[in-house]
């Protein structure tokens, strides 16, 4: 039963990777929009 669940998760991850849009201008879509360096105070 556990093995089947693992296979299902692997298949789902593989499908999600295929759905990702390609990186534009060399920017990783996972890192797009992140602010680097010191962050503004929270309060």
N, C-alpha and C. Protein backbone atom coordinates (compact mmCIF):
# COMPACT_ATOMS: atom_id res chain seq x y z
N UNK A 1 0.83 -1.19 0.00
CA UNK A 1 0.00 0.00 0.00
C UNK A 1 0.88 1.25 0.00
N UNK A 2 1.93 1.26 0.83
CA UNK A 2 2.81 2.43 0.89
C UNK A 2 3.52 2.65 -0.44
N UNK A 3 3.92 1.56 -1.07
CA UNK A 3 4.64 1.67 -2.34
C UNK A 3 3.75 2.32 -3.40
N UNK A 4 2.47 1.96 -3.40
CA UNK A 4 1.54 2.54 -4.37
C UNK A 4 1.39 4.04 -4.14
N UNK A 5 1.31 4.44 -2.86
CA UNK A 5 1.20 5.86 -2.54
C UNK A 5 2.44 6.62 -3.00
N UNK A 6 3.61 6.01 -2.82
CA UNK A 6 4.85 6.64 -3.27
C UNK A 6 4.83 6.83 -4.78
N UNK A 7 4.41 5.80 -5.50
CA UNK A 7 4.35 5.89 -6.96
C UNK A 7 3.39 6.99 -7.40
N UNK A 8 2.26 7.12 -6.71
CA UNK A 8 1.30 8.17 -7.05
C UNK A 8 1.89 9.55 -6.83
N UNK A 9 2.61 9.72 -5.70
CA UNK A 9 3.25 11.02 -5.42
C UNK A 9 4.32 11.34 -6.46
N UNK A 10 5.09 10.33 -6.85
CA UNK A 10 6.13 10.55 -7.87
C UNK A 10 5.50 10.98 -9.19
N UNK A 11 4.42 10.31 -9.57
CA UNK A 11 3.75 10.65 -10.82
C UNK A 11 3.18 12.07 -10.75
N UNK A 12 2.64 12.45 -9.59
CA UNK A 12 2.09 13.79 -9.43
C UNK A 12 3.19 14.84 -9.55
N UNK A 13 4.33 14.62 -8.89
CA UNK A 13 5.45 15.56 -8.96
C UNK A 13 5.98 15.68 -10.39
N UNK A 14 6.04 14.56 -11.09
CA UNK A 14 6.52 14.57 -12.46
C UNK A 14 5.58 15.39 -13.34
N UNK A 15 4.28 15.26 -13.13
CA UNK A 15 3.30 16.03 -13.90
C UNK A 15 3.41 17.52 -13.57
N UNK A 16 3.64 17.86 -12.29
CA UNK A 16 3.77 19.26 -11.91
C UNK A 16 5.01 19.88 -12.54
N UNK A 17 6.09 19.13 -12.61
CA UNK A 17 7.31 19.65 -13.23
C UNK A 17 7.08 19.91 -14.71
N UNK A 18 6.33 19.06 -15.37
CA UNK A 18 6.06 19.23 -16.80
C UNK A 18 5.19 20.46 -17.05
N UNK A 19 4.36 20.84 -16.07
CA UNK A 19 3.46 21.98 -16.23
C UNK A 19 4.14 23.33 -15.98
N UNK A 20 5.35 23.32 -15.42
CA UNK A 20 6.04 24.57 -15.12
C UNK A 20 6.35 25.34 -16.39
N UNK A 21 6.24 26.66 -16.30
CA UNK A 21 6.59 27.48 -17.45
C UNK A 21 8.11 27.63 -17.50
N UNK A 22 8.66 27.78 -18.69
CA UNK A 22 10.11 27.91 -18.79
C UNK A 22 10.60 29.23 -18.19
N UNK A 23 11.82 29.23 -17.73
CA UNK A 23 12.41 30.44 -17.14
C UNK A 23 12.61 31.49 -18.23
N UNK A 24 12.26 32.73 -17.92
CA UNK A 24 12.44 33.83 -18.86
C UNK A 24 13.62 34.68 -18.40
N UNK A 25 14.46 35.05 -19.32
CA UNK A 25 15.60 35.91 -19.03
C UNK A 25 16.51 35.32 -17.97
N UNK A 26 16.57 34.00 -17.87
CA UNK A 26 17.46 33.36 -16.92
C UNK A 26 17.00 33.44 -15.48
N UNK A 27 15.74 33.83 -15.23
CA UNK A 27 15.22 33.94 -13.87
C UNK A 27 14.51 32.64 -13.52
N UNK A 28 14.89 32.05 -12.41
CA UNK A 28 14.24 30.82 -11.94
C UNK A 28 12.83 31.17 -11.48
N UNK A 29 11.79 30.52 -12.00
CA UNK A 29 10.42 30.86 -11.61
C UNK A 29 10.15 30.66 -10.12
N UNK A 30 10.92 29.78 -9.46
CA UNK A 30 10.74 29.58 -8.03
C UNK A 30 11.27 30.75 -7.22
N UNK A 31 12.23 31.48 -7.78
CA UNK A 31 12.86 32.59 -7.05
C UNK A 31 12.36 33.95 -7.53
N UNK A 32 11.54 33.98 -8.55
CA UNK A 32 11.04 35.22 -9.11
C UNK A 32 10.23 35.99 -8.07
N UNK A 33 10.52 37.26 -7.93
CA UNK A 33 9.77 38.11 -7.02
C UNK A 33 10.31 38.16 -5.60
N UNK A 34 11.34 37.37 -5.29
CA UNK A 34 11.91 37.41 -3.95
C UNK A 34 12.76 38.66 -3.78
N UNK A 35 12.74 39.21 -2.59
CA UNK A 35 13.54 40.39 -2.28
C UNK A 35 14.78 39.93 -1.54
N UNK A 36 15.95 40.17 -2.13
CA UNK A 36 17.21 39.75 -1.53
C UNK A 36 17.74 40.84 -0.61
N UNK A 37 18.57 40.45 0.31
CA UNK A 37 19.23 41.39 1.21
C UNK A 37 18.42 41.62 2.47
N UNK A 38 18.78 42.68 3.21
CA UNK A 38 18.07 42.97 4.46
C UNK A 38 16.58 43.21 4.21
N UNK A 39 15.77 42.68 5.08
CA UNK A 39 14.33 42.83 4.95
C UNK A 39 13.84 44.01 5.80
N UNK A 40 12.76 44.66 5.39
CA UNK A 40 12.22 45.76 6.20
C UNK A 40 11.70 45.22 7.54
N UNK A 41 11.70 46.06 8.57
CA UNK A 41 11.20 45.62 9.88
C UNK A 41 9.74 45.17 9.79
N UNK A 42 9.39 44.15 10.56
CA UNK A 42 8.02 43.63 10.55
C UNK A 42 7.06 44.53 11.31
N UNK A 43 7.58 45.29 12.29
CA UNK A 43 6.68 46.09 13.12
C UNK A 43 6.89 47.56 12.94
